[in-house]
């Protein structure tokens, strides 16, 4: 399960690195795609998730899942810095999809 879940997040991050926004969007959960059209998704990621938008690589923490939902803390690195994010994923017919991402408060993190 861990490999599939990380593969989904890694796939989206790789799509962002290639600036393939349509492919990055496809890794989002169906409910999120229905709620936020592609242009809004792009605007949100660019403005609120700078390390994800301009990522160079990521480190993955422990994956917790119950077969239907999963959570994992991901440290995302970019040229200008890094940040930790809580990823929530949901299993859909086509596989694991990203349902939500929450950036950790940088004032409460240790500097790496």
N, C-alpha and C. Protein backbone atom coordinates (compact mmCIF):
# COMPACT_ATOMS: atom_id res chain seq x y z
N UNK A 1 0.83 -1.19 0.00
CA UNK A 1 0.00 0.00 0.00
C UNK A 1 0.88 1.26 0.00
N UNK A 2 1.93 1.25 0.82
CA UNK A 2 2.82 2.41 0.92
C UNK A 2 3.35 2.81 -0.46
N UNK A 3 3.77 1.84 -1.24
CA UNK A 3 4.34 2.11 -2.56
C UNK A 3 3.31 2.80 -3.47
N UNK A 4 2.07 2.35 -3.43
CA UNK A 4 1.01 2.95 -4.26
C UNK A 4 0.71 4.38 -3.82
N UNK A 5 0.62 4.58 -2.52
CA UNK A 5 0.28 5.90 -1.98
C UNK A 5 1.39 6.90 -2.29
N UNK A 6 2.62 6.51 -2.02
CA UNK A 6 3.76 7.39 -2.33
C UNK A 6 3.86 7.62 -3.83
N UNK A 7 3.57 6.59 -4.61
CA UNK A 7 3.59 6.73 -6.07
C UNK A 7 2.64 7.80 -6.57
N UNK A 8 1.49 7.91 -5.93
CA UNK A 8 0.52 8.94 -6.32
C UNK A 8 1.08 10.34 -6.03
N UNK A 9 1.60 10.53 -4.84
CA UNK A 9 2.15 11.85 -4.47
C UNK A 9 3.36 12.17 -5.34
N UNK A 10 4.24 11.18 -5.49
CA UNK A 10 5.44 11.37 -6.31
C UNK A 10 5.07 11.69 -7.76
N UNK A 11 4.02 11.03 -8.25
CA UNK A 11 3.56 11.30 -9.62
C UNK A 11 3.09 12.73 -9.79
N UNK A 12 2.35 13.22 -8.80
CA UNK A 12 1.89 14.60 -8.89
C UNK A 12 3.06 15.58 -8.81
N UNK A 13 3.99 15.32 -7.88
CA UNK A 13 5.16 16.20 -7.76
C UNK A 13 5.98 16.21 -9.05
N UNK A 14 6.15 15.04 -9.66
CA UNK A 14 6.89 14.95 -10.93
C UNK A 14 6.17 15.74 -12.02
N UNK A 15 4.85 15.67 -12.05
CA UNK A 15 4.08 16.43 -13.04
C UNK A 15 4.27 17.93 -12.83
N UNK A 16 4.28 18.37 -11.57
CA UNK A 16 4.54 19.79 -11.31
C UNK A 16 5.94 20.18 -11.78
N UNK A 17 6.93 19.32 -11.56
CA UNK A 17 8.30 19.63 -12.01
C UNK A 17 8.35 19.81 -13.52
N UNK A 18 7.55 19.04 -14.24
CA UNK A 18 7.51 19.12 -15.72
C UNK A 18 6.54 20.19 -16.20
N UNK A 19 5.86 20.85 -15.24
CA UNK A 19 4.83 21.86 -15.53
C UNK A 19 3.69 21.26 -16.35
N UNK A 20 3.43 19.96 -16.14
CA UNK A 20 2.30 19.28 -16.76
C UNK A 20 1.13 19.37 -15.78
N UNK A 21 0.47 20.50 -15.81
CA UNK A 21 -0.56 20.82 -14.84
C UNK A 21 -1.77 19.89 -14.98
N UNK A 22 -2.13 19.54 -16.19
CA UNK A 22 -3.25 18.64 -16.40
C UNK A 22 -2.99 17.29 -15.75
N UNK A 23 -1.78 16.78 -15.89
CA UNK A 23 -1.43 15.51 -15.27
C UNK A 23 -1.40 15.65 -13.75
N UNK A 24 -0.85 16.74 -13.23
CA UNK A 24 -0.83 16.97 -11.78
C UNK A 24 -2.26 17.00 -11.24
N UNK A 25 -3.15 17.65 -11.95
CA UNK A 25 -4.55 17.76 -11.55
C UNK A 25 -5.21 16.39 -11.51
N UNK A 26 -4.83 15.50 -12.41
CA UNK A 26 -5.42 14.16 -12.48
C UNK A 26 -5.12 13.31 -11.24
N UNK A 27 -4.09 13.67 -10.48
CA UNK A 27 -3.77 12.95 -9.25
C UNK A 27 -4.65 13.40 -8.08
N UNK A 28 -5.47 14.42 -8.29
CA UNK A 28 -6.39 14.91 -7.26
C UNK A 28 -7.63 14.03 -7.21
N UNK A 29 -8.24 13.96 -6.04
CA UNK A 29 -9.47 13.19 -5.87
C UNK A 29 -10.59 13.77 -6.73
N UNK A 30 -11.51 12.92 -7.15
CA UNK A 30 -12.62 13.34 -8.01
C UNK A 30 -13.43 14.48 -7.38
N UNK A 31 -13.67 14.40 -6.07
CA UNK A 31 -14.44 15.47 -5.40
C UNK A 31 -13.72 16.80 -5.48
N UNK A 32 -12.41 16.78 -5.33
CA UNK A 32 -11.62 18.01 -5.42
C UNK A 32 -11.65 18.56 -6.84
N UNK A 33 -11.51 17.69 -7.83
CA UNK A 33 -11.55 18.13 -9.23
C UNK A 33 -12.90 18.72 -9.58
N UNK A 34 -13.97 18.16 -9.02
CA UNK A 34 -15.32 18.68 -9.29
C UNK A 34 -15.54 20.03 -8.62
N UNK A 35 -14.92 20.22 -7.47
CA UNK A 35 -15.11 21.44 -6.70
C UNK A 35 -14.24 22.59 -7.20
N UNK A 36 -13.04 22.26 -7.68
CA UNK A 36 -12.08 23.29 -8.09
C UNK A 36 -11.61 23.00 -9.52
N UNK A 37 -12.07 23.76 -10.50
CA UNK A 37 -11.62 23.55 -11.87
C UNK A 37 -10.11 23.80 -12.01
N UNK A 38 -9.53 23.31 -13.07
CA UNK A 38 -8.08 23.37 -13.29
C UNK A 38 -7.49 24.76 -13.06
N UNK A 39 -8.02 25.84 -13.62
CA UNK A 39 -7.40 27.16 -13.40
C UNK A 39 -7.36 27.57 -11.91
N UNK A 40 -8.38 27.21 -11.16
CA UNK A 40 -8.40 27.53 -9.73
C UNK A 40 -7.39 26.67 -8.99
N UNK A 41 -7.32 25.39 -9.34
CA UNK A 41 -6.34 24.47 -8.76
C UNK A 41 -4.93 25.03 -8.94
N UNK A 42 -4.61 25.46 -10.16
CA UNK A 42 -3.29 26.01 -10.46
C UNK A 42 -3.02 27.26 -9.61
N UNK A 43 -3.99 28.15 -9.54
CA UNK A 43 -3.82 29.39 -8.76
C UNK A 43 -3.58 29.09 -7.28
N UNK A 44 -4.32 28.14 -6.75
CA UNK A 44 -4.16 27.78 -5.34
C UNK A 44 -2.79 27.19 -5.08
N UNK A 45 -2.36 26.25 -5.91
CA UNK A 45 -1.05 25.62 -5.70
C UNK A 45 0.07 26.65 -5.82
N UNK A 46 0.02 27.48 -6.83
CA UNK A 46 1.07 28.50 -7.02
C UNK A 46 1.16 29.45 -5.83
N UNK A 47 0.01 29.87 -5.32
CA UNK A 47 -0.02 30.87 -4.25
C UNK A 47 0.21 30.29 -2.86
N UNK A 48 -0.34 29.13 -2.60
CA UNK A 48 -0.35 28.60 -1.23
C UNK A 48 0.61 27.45 -0.96
N UNK A 49 1.12 26.84 -2.01
CA UNK A 49 1.99 25.67 -1.85
C UNK A 49 3.25 25.84 -2.70
N UNK A 50 4.06 26.85 -2.41
CA UNK A 50 5.19 27.17 -3.29
C UNK A 50 6.21 26.04 -3.42
N UNK A 51 6.44 25.30 -2.35
CA UNK A 51 7.41 24.21 -2.43
C UNK A 51 6.89 23.08 -3.32
N UNK A 52 5.59 22.85 -3.31
CA UNK A 52 5.01 21.83 -4.19
C UNK A 52 5.08 22.30 -5.63
N UNK A 53 4.73 23.55 -5.87
CA UNK A 53 4.72 24.10 -7.23
C UNK A 53 6.12 24.02 -7.86
N UNK A 54 7.15 24.32 -7.08
CA UNK A 54 8.52 24.38 -7.62
C UNK A 54 9.40 23.29 -7.01
N UNK A 55 8.83 22.14 -6.71
CA UNK A 55 9.56 21.09 -6.01
C UNK A 55 10.72 20.51 -6.82
N UNK A 56 11.73 20.06 -6.08
CA UNK A 56 12.85 19.34 -6.70
C UNK A 56 12.86 17.88 -6.27
N UNK A 57 12.39 17.61 -5.06
CA UNK A 57 12.26 16.24 -4.57
C UNK A 57 11.51 16.25 -3.24
N UNK A 58 11.26 15.04 -2.71
CA UNK A 58 10.50 14.94 -1.46
C UNK A 58 10.97 13.73 -0.64
N UNK A 59 10.76 13.83 0.67
CA UNK A 59 11.00 12.71 1.59
C UNK A 59 9.66 12.36 2.22
N UNK A 60 9.43 11.06 2.40
CA UNK A 60 8.14 10.59 2.88
C UNK A 60 8.25 9.98 4.26
N UNK A 61 7.27 10.33 5.11
CA UNK A 61 7.20 9.77 6.45
C UNK A 61 6.39 8.48 6.45
N UNK A 62 5.91 8.13 7.61
CA UNK A 62 5.12 6.91 7.78
C UNK A 62 3.76 7.07 7.11
N UNK A 63 3.36 6.08 6.34
CA UNK A 63 2.05 6.09 5.70
C UNK A 63 1.07 5.37 6.62
N UNK A 64 -0.03 6.04 6.89
CA UNK A 64 -1.10 5.42 7.69
C UNK A 64 -2.32 5.28 6.79
N UNK A 65 -2.84 4.06 6.69
CA UNK A 65 -4.01 3.86 5.84
C UNK A 65 -4.91 2.77 6.43
N UNK A 66 -6.17 2.83 6.02
CA UNK A 66 -7.13 1.80 6.41
C UNK A 66 -7.69 1.09 5.18
N UNK A 67 -7.01 1.25 4.05
CA UNK A 67 -7.47 0.65 2.80
C UNK A 67 -8.35 1.56 1.98
N UNK A 68 -8.94 2.56 2.61
CA UNK A 68 -9.82 3.51 1.92
C UNK A 68 -9.29 4.94 1.96
N UNK A 69 -8.68 5.32 3.07
CA UNK A 69 -8.08 6.64 3.22
C UNK A 69 -6.65 6.46 3.75
N UNK A 70 -5.83 7.46 3.50
CA UNK A 70 -4.44 7.39 3.94
C UNK A 70 -3.94 8.78 4.27
N UNK A 71 -2.96 8.84 5.18
CA UNK A 71 -2.29 10.09 5.50
C UNK A 71 -0.79 9.84 5.53
N UNK A 72 -0.05 10.85 5.16
CA UNK A 72 1.41 10.78 5.21
C UNK A 72 1.97 12.20 5.29
N UNK A 73 3.02 12.37 6.08
CA UNK A 73 3.72 13.66 6.14
C UNK A 73 4.82 13.61 5.08
N UNK A 74 4.87 14.64 4.25
CA UNK A 74 5.84 14.71 3.16
C UNK A 74 6.65 15.99 3.31
N UNK A 75 7.95 15.85 3.32
CA UNK A 75 8.85 17.01 3.32
C UNK A 75 9.17 17.30 1.86
N UNK A 76 8.74 18.46 1.38
CA UNK A 76 8.90 18.83 -0.02
C UNK A 76 9.99 19.88 -0.13
N UNK A 77 10.93 19.63 -1.03
CA UNK A 77 12.09 20.51 -1.23
C UNK A 77 11.97 21.26 -2.56
N UNK A 78 12.35 22.52 -2.51
CA UNK A 78 12.42 23.37 -3.70
C UNK A 78 13.73 24.14 -3.62
N UNK A 79 14.11 24.80 -4.69
CA UNK A 79 15.37 25.57 -4.69
C UNK A 79 15.39 26.63 -3.60
N UNK A 80 14.22 27.22 -3.31
CA UNK A 80 14.15 28.33 -2.36
C UNK A 80 13.78 27.92 -0.94
N UNK A 81 13.70 26.63 -0.66
CA UNK A 81 13.36 26.20 0.69
C UNK A 81 12.66 24.86 0.71
N UNK A 82 12.14 24.52 1.87
CA UNK A 82 11.42 23.26 2.00
C UNK A 82 10.36 23.43 3.08
N UNK A 83 9.38 22.53 3.05
CA UNK A 83 8.30 22.57 4.03
C UNK A 83 7.69 21.18 4.15
N UNK A 84 7.07 20.95 5.31
CA UNK A 84 6.36 19.69 5.54
C UNK A 84 4.87 19.90 5.26
N UNK A 85 4.29 18.88 4.66
CA UNK A 85 2.87 18.90 4.32
C UNK A 85 2.22 17.61 4.79
N UNK A 86 1.00 17.71 5.31
CA UNK A 86 0.18 16.54 5.61
C UNK A 86 -0.66 16.27 4.36
N UNK A 87 -0.46 15.11 3.78
CA UNK A 87 -1.25 14.69 2.63
C UNK A 87 -2.33 13.73 3.10
N UNK A 88 -3.54 13.91 2.60
CA UNK A 88 -4.64 12.98 2.82
C UNK A 88 -5.05 12.44 1.45
N UNK A 89 -5.13 11.12 1.37
CA UNK A 89 -5.48 10.48 0.11
C UNK A 89 -6.70 9.59 0.30
N UNK A 90 -7.40 9.33 -0.79
CA UNK A 90 -8.57 8.47 -0.79
C UNK A 90 -8.43 7.47 -1.94
N UNK A 91 -8.88 6.25 -1.70
CA UNK A 91 -8.83 5.23 -2.75
C UNK A 91 -10.06 5.40 -3.64
N UNK A 92 -9.82 5.55 -4.94
CA UNK A 92 -10.88 5.66 -5.93
C UNK A 92 -10.73 4.51 -6.91
N UNK A 93 -11.69 4.29 -7.79
CA UNK A 93 -11.58 3.15 -8.72
C UNK A 93 -10.27 3.12 -9.52
N UNK A 94 -9.72 4.29 -9.86
CA UNK A 94 -8.47 4.34 -10.63
C UNK A 94 -7.22 4.30 -9.76
N UNK A 95 -7.39 4.24 -8.44
CA UNK A 95 -6.25 4.17 -7.52
C UNK A 95 -6.31 5.26 -6.48
N UNK A 96 -5.20 5.46 -5.77
CA UNK A 96 -5.12 6.47 -4.73
C UNK A 96 -5.08 7.86 -5.35
N UNK A 97 -5.85 8.78 -4.78
CA UNK A 97 -5.89 10.16 -5.26
C UNK A 97 -5.77 11.10 -4.06
N UNK A 98 -5.20 12.27 -4.31
CA UNK A 98 -4.93 13.25 -3.26
C UNK A 98 -6.21 14.03 -2.96
N UNK A 99 -6.64 13.96 -1.71
CA UNK A 99 -7.87 14.61 -1.29
C UNK A 99 -7.61 15.96 -0.64
N UNK A 100 -6.45 16.10 0.02
CA UNK A 100 -6.15 17.35 0.68
C UNK A 100 -4.68 17.44 1.05
N UNK A 101 -4.20 18.67 1.16
CA UNK A 101 -2.81 18.94 1.53
C UNK A 101 -2.84 20.12 2.50
N UNK A 102 -2.15 19.95 3.63
CA UNK A 102 -2.10 21.00 4.64
C UNK A 102 -0.64 21.28 4.97
N UNK A 103 -0.23 22.52 4.79
CA UNK A 103 1.15 22.92 5.07
C UNK A 103 1.34 23.09 6.57
N UNK A 104 2.41 22.54 7.09
CA UNK A 104 2.73 22.73 8.51
C UNK A 104 3.08 24.19 8.75
N UNK A 105 2.81 24.65 9.92
CA UNK A 105 3.13 26.02 10.32
C UNK A 105 4.66 26.14 10.42
N UNK A 106 5.28 26.96 9.55
CA UNK A 106 6.75 27.05 9.55
C UNK A 106 7.33 27.56 10.87
N UNK A 107 6.57 28.32 11.64
CA UNK A 107 7.10 28.84 12.91
C UNK A 107 7.22 27.74 13.96
N UNK A 108 6.56 26.61 13.74
CA UNK A 108 6.59 25.51 14.69
C UNK A 108 7.50 24.37 14.24
N UNK A 109 8.16 24.52 13.11
CA UNK A 109 9.04 23.47 12.58
C UNK A 109 10.48 23.76 12.91
N UNK A 110 11.23 22.69 13.01
CA UNK A 110 12.68 22.83 13.14
C UNK A 110 13.24 23.13 11.76
N UNK A 111 14.25 23.95 11.71
CA UNK A 111 14.90 24.25 10.43
C UNK A 111 15.80 23.10 10.03
N UNK A 112 15.71 22.70 8.77
CA UNK A 112 16.52 21.60 8.24
C UNK A 112 17.58 22.15 7.34
